[in-house]
Amino acid sequence: MFGKYEILSILGTGSSSTVYLARHLTLKSYRAIKCIPKTLDSISSPCLEAMILKHLNHPAIPFIYDIEEDNSYFY
């Protein structure tokens, strides 16, 4: 995925996204990657969500490492 990650498994799926367990190829660290289809009409900008989350610090809130997109999905 984007030349950075190896997808290992699916962690979970919901009505609007799928979350994958991935390994960063260079850092050898594990990450959760949320995959959101661009076809969803109800979705607000994932970039806006990331901008909000980057200012929050709590053990129950995910830390944002990166944002990517292709023609079909936001990651």
N, C-alpha and C. Protein backbone atom coordinates (compact mmCIF):
# COMPACT_ATOMS: atom_id res chain seq x y z
N MET A 1 0.85 -1.17 0.00
CA MET A 1 0.00 0.00 0.00
C MET A 1 0.90 1.23 0.00
N PHE A 2 0.83 1.99 -1.06
CA PHE A 2 1.60 3.23 -1.24
C PHE A 2 3.10 3.02 -1.10
N GLY A 3 3.55 1.78 -1.24
CA GLY A 3 4.96 1.49 -1.12
C GLY A 3 5.50 1.60 0.29
N LYS A 4 4.61 1.80 1.27
CA LYS A 4 5.04 1.99 2.65
C LYS A 4 4.59 0.87 3.58
N TYR A 5 3.45 0.25 3.28
CA TYR A 5 2.82 -0.66 4.23
C TYR A 5 2.54 -2.02 3.59
N GLU A 6 2.62 -3.05 4.41
CA GLU A 6 2.18 -4.38 4.04
C GLU A 6 0.92 -4.67 4.83
N ILE A 7 -0.19 -4.95 4.15
CA ILE A 7 -1.44 -5.28 4.82
C ILE A 7 -1.36 -6.71 5.34
N LEU A 8 -1.64 -6.89 6.63
CA LEU A 8 -1.54 -8.20 7.27
C LEU A 8 -2.89 -8.87 7.48
N SER A 9 -3.89 -8.08 7.87
CA SER A 9 -5.22 -8.67 8.13
C SER A 9 -6.25 -7.55 8.26
N ILE A 10 -7.51 -7.96 8.32
CA ILE A 10 -8.60 -7.03 8.59
C ILE A 10 -8.84 -7.02 10.09
N LEU A 11 -8.84 -5.83 10.69
CA LEU A 11 -9.14 -5.70 12.12
C LEU A 11 -10.63 -5.58 12.37
N GLY A 12 -11.34 -4.93 11.44
CA GLY A 12 -12.77 -4.76 11.62
C GLY A 12 -13.40 -4.05 10.44
N THR A 13 -14.71 -4.21 10.32
CA THR A 13 -15.45 -3.52 9.27
C THR A 13 -16.70 -2.91 9.88
N GLY A 14 -17.13 -1.83 9.29
CA GLY A 14 -18.35 -1.16 9.73
C GLY A 14 -19.16 -0.78 8.51
N SER A 15 -20.17 0.03 8.73
CA SER A 15 -21.04 0.43 7.62
C SER A 15 -20.36 1.38 6.66
N SER A 16 -19.30 2.07 7.11
CA SER A 16 -18.69 3.07 6.23
C SER A 16 -17.20 2.89 6.02
N SER A 17 -16.57 1.88 6.64
CA SER A 17 -15.12 1.74 6.47
C SER A 17 -14.65 0.35 6.87
N THR A 18 -13.41 0.06 6.51
CA THR A 18 -12.73 -1.16 6.92
C THR A 18 -11.40 -0.74 7.52
N VAL A 19 -11.00 -1.40 8.60
CA VAL A 19 -9.72 -1.10 9.25
C VAL A 19 -8.82 -2.32 9.12
N TYR A 20 -7.60 -2.07 8.62
CA TYR A 20 -6.63 -3.13 8.38
C TYR A 20 -5.46 -3.01 9.35
N LEU A 21 -4.88 -4.16 9.69
CA LEU A 21 -3.61 -4.19 10.40
C LEU A 21 -2.53 -4.19 9.34
N ALA A 22 -1.59 -3.25 9.45
CA ALA A 22 -0.51 -3.15 8.46
C ALA A 22 0.82 -3.01 9.18
N ARG A 23 1.88 -3.34 8.46
CA ARG A 23 3.23 -3.19 8.98
C ARG A 23 3.96 -2.18 8.10
N HIS A 24 4.54 -1.17 8.72
CA HIS A 24 5.33 -0.18 7.98
C HIS A 24 6.61 -0.88 7.54
N LEU A 25 6.89 -0.85 6.24
CA LEU A 25 7.99 -1.62 5.69
C LEU A 25 9.36 -1.13 6.15
N THR A 26 9.53 0.16 6.32
CA THR A 26 10.82 0.71 6.73
C THR A 26 11.00 0.68 8.23
N LEU A 27 9.99 1.11 8.97
CA LEU A 27 10.10 1.21 10.42
C LEU A 27 9.84 -0.10 11.15
N LYS A 28 9.27 -1.07 10.44
CA LYS A 28 8.93 -2.38 11.04
C LYS A 28 7.99 -2.22 12.23
N SER A 29 7.10 -1.24 12.15
CA SER A 29 6.13 -1.01 13.22
C SER A 29 4.72 -1.27 12.67
N TYR A 30 3.81 -1.56 13.56
CA TYR A 30 2.45 -1.90 13.17
C TYR A 30 1.55 -0.68 13.25
N ARG A 31 0.61 -0.60 12.32
CA ARG A 31 -0.35 0.50 12.25
C ARG A 31 -1.72 -0.05 11.89
N ALA A 32 -2.74 0.67 12.29
CA ALA A 32 -4.10 0.40 11.82
C ALA A 32 -4.38 1.40 10.70
N ILE A 33 -4.88 0.92 9.58
CA ILE A 33 -5.20 1.78 8.44
C ILE A 33 -6.69 1.70 8.19
N LYS A 34 -7.34 2.85 8.28
CA LYS A 34 -8.78 2.95 8.03
C LYS A 34 -8.99 3.28 6.57
N CYS A 35 -9.80 2.50 5.88
CA CYS A 35 -10.06 2.65 4.46
C CYS A 35 -11.52 3.10 4.28
N ILE A 36 -11.70 4.33 3.77
CA ILE A 36 -13.03 4.92 3.64
C ILE A 36 -13.35 5.13 2.16
N PRO A 37 -14.39 4.49 1.63
CA PRO A 37 -14.73 4.69 0.22
C PRO A 37 -15.16 6.12 -0.08
N LYS A 38 -14.74 6.63 -1.22
CA LYS A 38 -15.12 7.98 -1.62
C LYS A 38 -16.56 8.05 -2.11
N THR A 39 -17.21 6.92 -2.27
CA THR A 39 -18.58 6.88 -2.77
C THR A 39 -19.62 7.19 -1.71
N LEU A 40 -19.21 7.26 -0.45
CA LEU A 40 -20.16 7.53 0.63
C LEU A 40 -20.64 8.98 0.57
N ASP A 41 -21.94 9.16 0.49
CA ASP A 41 -22.52 10.50 0.45
C ASP A 41 -22.50 11.17 1.81
N SER A 42 -22.56 10.38 2.87
CA SER A 42 -22.70 10.94 4.21
C SER A 42 -21.37 11.32 4.85
N ILE A 43 -20.28 11.05 4.17
CA ILE A 43 -18.98 11.26 4.81
C ILE A 43 -18.52 12.71 4.70
N SER A 44 -18.07 13.24 5.82
CA SER A 44 -17.42 14.54 5.79
C SER A 44 -15.97 14.29 5.39
N SER A 45 -15.23 15.29 5.21
CA SER A 45 -13.85 15.15 4.77
C SER A 45 -13.02 14.38 5.80
N PRO A 46 -12.40 13.27 5.39
CA PRO A 46 -11.49 12.57 6.30
C PRO A 46 -10.32 13.47 6.72
N CYS A 47 -9.96 14.41 5.89
CA CYS A 47 -8.88 15.34 6.25
C CYS A 47 -9.32 16.22 7.42
N LEU A 48 -10.58 16.62 7.44
CA LEU A 48 -11.10 17.41 8.55
C LEU A 48 -11.07 16.58 9.83
N GLU A 49 -11.49 15.33 9.75
CA GLU A 49 -11.45 14.44 10.91
C GLU A 49 -10.02 14.31 11.42
N ALA A 50 -9.07 14.13 10.53
CA ALA A 50 -7.66 14.00 10.93
C ALA A 50 -7.14 15.28 11.57
N MET A 51 -7.53 16.42 11.05
CA MET A 51 -7.09 17.70 11.62
C MET A 51 -7.61 17.87 13.05
N ILE A 52 -8.83 17.41 13.30
CA ILE A 52 -9.39 17.47 14.66
C ILE A 52 -8.66 16.49 15.57
N LEU A 53 -8.46 15.25 15.10
CA LEU A 53 -7.82 14.23 15.93
C LEU A 53 -6.37 14.55 16.27
N LYS A 54 -5.67 15.26 15.37
CA LYS A 54 -4.26 15.53 15.64
C LYS A 54 -4.05 16.45 16.84
N HIS A 55 -5.10 17.19 17.23
CA HIS A 55 -4.99 18.10 18.37
C HIS A 55 -5.45 17.46 19.69
N LEU A 56 -5.94 16.23 19.62
CA LEU A 56 -6.42 15.54 20.81
C LEU A 56 -5.41 14.52 21.29
N ASN A 57 -5.27 14.37 22.59
CA ASN A 57 -4.32 13.42 23.16
C ASN A 57 -5.00 12.66 24.28
N HIS A 58 -5.38 11.42 23.98
CA HIS A 58 -6.04 10.57 24.96
C HIS A 58 -5.79 9.12 24.54
N PRO A 59 -5.60 8.20 25.48
CA PRO A 59 -5.33 6.80 25.13
C PRO A 59 -6.41 6.14 24.27
N ALA A 60 -7.64 6.62 24.35
CA ALA A 60 -8.73 6.01 23.59
C ALA A 60 -8.93 6.66 22.21
N ILE A 61 -8.13 7.67 21.89
CA ILE A 61 -8.27 8.36 20.60
C ILE A 61 -7.06 8.01 19.74
N PRO A 62 -7.30 7.58 18.50
CA PRO A 62 -6.17 7.17 17.65
C PRO A 62 -5.25 8.35 17.31
N PHE A 63 -3.97 8.03 17.17
CA PHE A 63 -2.98 9.01 16.75
C PHE A 63 -2.89 8.94 15.22
N ILE A 64 -2.93 10.07 14.55
CA ILE A 64 -2.87 10.11 13.09
C ILE A 64 -1.41 10.21 12.66
N TYR A 65 -0.93 9.24 11.88
CA TYR A 65 0.43 9.26 11.37
C TYR A 65 0.50 9.80 9.95
N ASP A 66 -0.55 9.56 9.16
CA ASP A 66 -0.49 9.88 7.74
C ASP A 66 -1.89 9.88 7.15
N ILE A 67 -2.04 10.56 6.04
CA ILE A 67 -3.29 10.54 5.27
C ILE A 67 -2.90 10.31 3.82
N GLU A 68 -3.60 9.38 3.18
CA GLU A 68 -3.38 9.08 1.76
C GLU A 68 -4.74 8.96 1.09
N GLU A 69 -4.74 9.01 -0.22
CA GLU A 69 -5.96 8.74 -0.98
C GLU A 69 -5.58 8.26 -2.37
N ASP A 70 -6.51 7.53 -2.97
CA ASP A 70 -6.38 7.17 -4.37
C ASP A 70 -7.71 7.51 -5.03
N ASN A 71 -7.97 7.00 -6.21
CA ASN A 71 -9.20 7.36 -6.92
C ASN A 71 -10.47 6.89 -6.22
N SER A 72 -10.36 5.85 -5.42
CA SER A 72 -11.55 5.25 -4.82
C SER A 72 -11.68 5.40 -3.31
N TYR A 73 -10.57 5.61 -2.61
CA TYR A 73 -10.59 5.57 -1.15
C TYR A 73 -9.74 6.67 -0.52
N PHE A 74 -10.11 7.00 0.74
CA PHE A 74 -9.27 7.77 1.66
C PHE A 74 -8.67 6.76 2.63
N TYR A 75 -7.42 6.96 3.06
CA TYR A 75 -6.76 6.07 4.01
C TYR A 75 -6.22 6.87 5.17
